[in-house]
Amino acid sequence: MYERKIIPNLNCGLDLIGEVLYGKWKIRLLWFIHQGHQRPSELQRKIPDASRRVLNIQLKELEDHDLVSKIIYPVVPPKVEYSLTEFGKTLIPVISAIGEWGDANEEHLREVILKRLNLE
């Protein structure tokens, strides 16, 4: 198990949100769960570039931060579903605003990202 060596700085809202949402797939996971994709296999299909292991780790972290809840149904084979908590639902307008900003600046963002990738 990973053991953190540096204590996080939690002195302001940006530090706190960074601590909770840091992870390549977390924002997408929250958005897709909000859209109704609740089963791990559905989330895997929505984010095919992510490994099942990484998605499970990030879902566990979101659960630990009280943004999603996990329901395990006692059936064979086991059935698992994720849903947003009330606290997690408060992030949806923020994620939506970030997505709208990305859409509005899509051309410029794509240009600078591709330029940076070509330099490395």
C-alpha atoms as a PDB file:
ATOM      1  CA  MET A   1       0.000   0.000   0.000  1.00  0.00           C
ATOM      2  CA  TYR A   2       1.236   3.473  -0.872  1.00  0.00           C
ATOM      3  CA  GLU A   3       2.409   5.496   2.110  1.00  0.00           C
ATOM      4  CA  ARG A   4       2.546   9.241   1.702  1.00  0.00           C
ATOM      5  CA  LYS A   5       5.893  10.796   2.589  1.00  0.00           C
ATOM      6  CA  ILE A   6       4.923  14.460   2.459  1.00  0.00           C
ATOM      7  CA  ILE A   7       2.036  15.804   4.518  1.00  0.00           C
ATOM      8  CA  PRO A   8      -0.386  17.690   2.248  1.00  0.00           C
ATOM      9  CA  ASN A   9      -0.795  21.434   2.585  1.00  0.00           C
ATOM     10  CA  LEU A  10      -4.470  22.001   3.390  1.00  0.00           C
ATOM     11  CA  ASN A  11      -4.493  25.734   4.058  1.00  0.00           C
ATOM     12  CA  CYS A  12      -6.858  26.936   1.342  1.00  0.00           C
ATOM     13  CA  GLY A  13      -9.681  25.763  -0.862  1.00  0.00           C
ATOM     14  CA  LEU A  14      -7.437  25.156  -3.886  1.00  0.00           C
ATOM     15  CA  ASP A  15      -5.188  22.889  -1.819  1.00  0.00           C
ATOM     16  CA  LEU A  16      -8.214  20.993  -0.548  1.00  0.00           C
ATOM     17  CA  ILE A  17      -9.832  20.544  -3.960  1.00  0.00           C
ATOM     18  CA  GLY A  18      -6.487  19.512  -5.447  1.00  0.00           C
ATOM     19  CA  GLU A  19      -6.073  16.880  -2.764  1.00  0.00           C
ATOM     20  CA  VAL A  20      -9.550  15.477  -3.397  1.00  0.00           C
ATOM     21  CA  LEU A  21      -9.622  15.647  -7.223  1.00  0.00           C
ATOM     22  CA  TYR A  22      -5.969  14.953  -8.044  1.00  0.00           C
ATOM     23  CA  GLY A  23      -5.960  11.958 -10.365  1.00  0.00           C
ATOM     24  CA  LYS A  24      -6.234  11.690 -14.122  1.00  0.00           C
ATOM     25  CA  TRP A  25      -9.699  10.105 -14.205  1.00  0.00           C
ATOM     26  CA  LYS A  26     -11.508  11.436 -11.118  1.00  0.00           C
ATOM     27  CA  ILE A  27     -13.363  14.301 -12.775  1.00  0.00           C
ATOM     28  CA  ARG A  28     -14.493  12.021 -15.601  1.00  0.00           C
ATOM     29  CA  LEU A  29     -15.562   9.339 -13.115  1.00  0.00           C
ATOM     30  CA  LEU A  30     -17.672  11.846 -11.208  1.00  0.00           C
ATOM     31  CA  TRP A  31     -19.238  13.127 -14.439  1.00  0.00           C
ATOM     32  CA  PHE A  32     -20.037   9.673 -15.815  1.00  0.00           C
ATOM     33  CA  ILE A  33     -21.508   8.528 -12.492  1.00  0.00           C
ATOM     34  CA  HIS A  34     -23.632  11.684 -12.545  1.00  0.00           C
ATOM     35  CA  GLN A  35     -24.811  10.726 -16.066  1.00  0.00           C
ATOM     36  CA  GLY A  36     -25.979   7.356 -14.784  1.00  0.00           C
ATOM     37  CA  HIS A  37     -23.036   5.061 -15.546  1.00  0.00           C
ATOM     38  CA  GLN A  38     -22.899   3.313 -12.188  1.00  0.00           C
ATOM     39  CA  ARG A  39     -21.351  -0.113 -12.763  1.00  0.00           C
ATOM     40  CA  PRO A  40     -17.553  -0.505 -12.886  1.00  0.00           C
ATOM     41  CA  SER A  41     -17.790  -2.182 -16.309  1.00  0.00           C
ATOM     42  CA  GLU A  42     -19.775   0.787 -17.683  1.00  0.00           C
ATOM     43  CA  LEU A  43     -17.193   3.217 -16.328  1.00  0.00           C
ATOM     44  CA  GLN A  44     -14.410   1.121 -17.864  1.00  0.00           C
ATOM     45  CA  ARG A  45     -16.132   1.321 -21.272  1.00  0.00           C
ATOM     46  CA  LYS A  46     -16.493   5.108 -20.928  1.00  0.00           C
ATOM     47  CA  ILE A  47     -12.775   5.474 -20.061  1.00  0.00           C
ATOM     48  CA  PRO A  48     -11.055   2.738 -22.089  1.00  0.00           C
ATOM     49  CA  ASP A  49      -7.573   4.265 -21.704  1.00  0.00           C
ATOM     50  CA  ALA A  50      -7.632   3.692 -17.939  1.00  0.00           C
ATOM     51  CA  SER A  51      -6.834   0.306 -16.472  1.00  0.00           C
ATOM     52  CA  ARG A  52      -9.403  -1.373 -14.238  1.00  0.00           C
ATOM     53  CA  ARG A  53      -6.892  -1.204 -11.359  1.00  0.00           C
ATOM     54  CA  VAL A  54      -6.418   2.579 -11.669  1.00  0.00           C
ATOM     55  CA  LEU A  55     -10.162   3.165 -11.933  1.00  0.00           C
ATOM     56  CA  ASN A  56     -10.738   1.076  -8.810  1.00  0.00           C
ATOM     57  CA  ILE A  57      -8.079   3.019  -6.903  1.00  0.00           C
ATOM     58  CA  GLN A  58      -9.548   6.356  -7.930  1.00  0.00           C
ATOM     59  CA  LEU A  59     -13.114   5.225  -7.178  1.00  0.00           C
ATOM     60  CA  LYS A  60     -11.928   4.148  -3.718  1.00  0.00           C
ATOM     61  CA  GLU A  61     -10.330   7.558  -3.165  1.00  0.00           C
ATOM     62  CA  LEU A  62     -13.544   9.304  -4.264  1.00  0.00           C
ATOM     63  CA  GLU A  63     -15.428   7.073  -1.834  1.00  0.00           C
ATOM     64  CA  ASP A  64     -12.949   7.896   0.966  1.00  0.00           C
ATOM     65  CA  HIS A  65     -13.503  11.606   0.274  1.00  0.00           C
ATOM     66  CA  ASP A  66     -17.294  11.160   0.534  1.00  0.00           C
ATOM     67  CA  LEU A  67     -17.928  12.078  -3.100  1.00  0.00           C
ATOM     68  CA  VAL A  68     -19.297   8.694  -4.201  1.00  0.00           C
ATOM     69  CA  SER A  69     -20.921   5.807  -2.409  1.00  0.00           C
ATOM     70  CA  LYS A  70     -20.502   2.164  -3.307  1.00  0.00           C
ATOM     71  CA  ILE A  71     -23.294  -0.388  -3.057  1.00  0.00           C
ATOM     72  CA  ILE A  72     -22.419  -4.076  -3.152  1.00  0.00           C
ATOM     73  CA  TYR A  73     -25.397  -6.306  -3.854  1.00  0.00           C
ATOM     74  CA  PRO A  74     -25.314  -9.792  -2.295  1.00  0.00           C
ATOM     75  CA  VAL A  75     -25.752 -11.743  -5.522  1.00  0.00           C
ATOM     76  CA  VAL A  76     -23.587 -14.157  -7.483  1.00  0.00           C
ATOM     77  CA  PRO A  77     -21.659 -12.881  -9.320  1.00  0.00           C
ATOM     78  CA  PRO A  78     -21.243  -9.770  -7.115  1.00  0.00           C
ATOM     79  CA  LYS A  79     -22.890  -6.615  -8.400  1.00  0.00           C
ATOM     80  CA  VAL A  80     -21.391  -3.225  -7.536  1.00  0.00           C
ATOM     81  CA  GLU A  81     -22.845   0.212  -8.256  1.00  0.00           C
ATOM     82  CA  TYR A  82     -21.542   3.695  -7.557  1.00  0.00           C
ATOM     83  CA  SER A  83     -23.594   6.826  -7.020  1.00  0.00           C
ATOM     84  CA  LEU A  84     -22.812  10.404  -6.098  1.00  0.00           C
ATOM     85  CA  THR A  85     -23.302  11.405  -2.494  1.00  0.00           C
ATOM     86  CA  GLU A  86     -25.087  14.659  -1.722  1.00  0.00           C
ATOM     87  CA  PHE A  87     -21.633  16.159  -1.183  1.00  0.00           C
ATOM     88  CA  GLY A  88     -20.453  14.774  -4.535  1.00  0.00           C
ATOM     89  CA  LYS A  89     -23.462  16.287  -6.303  1.00  0.00           C
ATOM     90  CA  THR A  90     -22.256  19.753  -5.246  1.00  0.00           C
ATOM     91  CA  LEU A  91     -19.238  19.308  -7.558  1.00  0.00           C
ATOM     92  CA  ILE A  92     -21.298  18.747 -10.709  1.00  0.00           C
ATOM     93  CA  PRO A  93     -21.889  22.481 -11.449  1.00  0.00           C
ATOM     94  CA  VAL A  94     -18.144  23.091 -11.021  1.00  0.00           C
ATOM     95  CA  ILE A  95     -17.222  20.204 -13.340  1.00  0.00           C
ATOM     96  CA  SER A  96     -19.822  21.436 -15.822  1.00  0.00           C
ATOM     97  CA  ALA A  97     -18.319  24.957 -15.754  1.00  0.00           C
ATOM     98  CA  ILE A  98     -14.825  23.546 -16.331  1.00  0.00           C
ATOM     99  CA  GLY A  99     -16.154  21.501 -19.269  1.00  0.00           C
ATOM    100  CA  GLU A 100     -17.857  24.571 -20.760  1.00  0.00           C
ATOM    101  CA  TRP A 101     -14.615  26.541 -20.415  1.00  0.00           C
ATOM    102  CA  GLY A 102     -12.795  23.718 -22.198  1.00  0.00           C
ATOM    103  CA  ASP A 103     -15.380  23.695 -24.987  1.00  0.00           C
ATOM    104  CA  ALA A 104     -15.183  27.481 -25.374  1.00  0.00           C
ATOM    105  CA  ASN A 105     -11.369  27.345 -25.597  1.00  0.00           C
ATOM    106  CA  GLU A 106     -11.094  24.021 -27.413  1.00  0.00           C
ATOM    107  CA  GLU A 107      -9.103  25.256 -30.402  1.00  0.00           C
ATOM    108  CA  HIS A 108      -6.518  27.159 -28.356  1.00  0.00           C
ATOM    109  CA  LEU A 109      -6.149  24.363 -25.799  1.00  0.00           C
ATOM    110  CA  ARG A 110      -5.681  21.723 -28.490  1.00  0.00           C
ATOM    111  CA  GLU A 111      -3.073  23.933 -30.189  1.00  0.00           C
ATOM    112  CA  VAL A 112      -0.980  24.500 -27.045  1.00  0.00           C
ATOM    113  CA  ILE A 113      -1.215  20.859 -25.962  1.00  0.00           C
ATOM    114  CA  LEU A 114      -0.115  19.579 -29.368  1.00  0.00           C
ATOM    115  CA  LYS A 115       2.655  22.177 -29.528  1.00  0.00           C
ATOM    116  CA  ARG A 116       3.991  21.052 -26.172  1.00  0.00           C
ATOM    117  CA  LEU A 117       3.828  17.388 -27.145  1.00  0.00           C
ATOM    118  CA  ASN A 118       5.825  18.034 -30.307  1.00  0.00           C
ATOM    119  CA  LEU A 119       8.585  19.806 -28.343  1.00  0.00           C
ATOM    120  CA  GLU A 120       9.174  16.949 -25.919  1.00  0.00           C
END
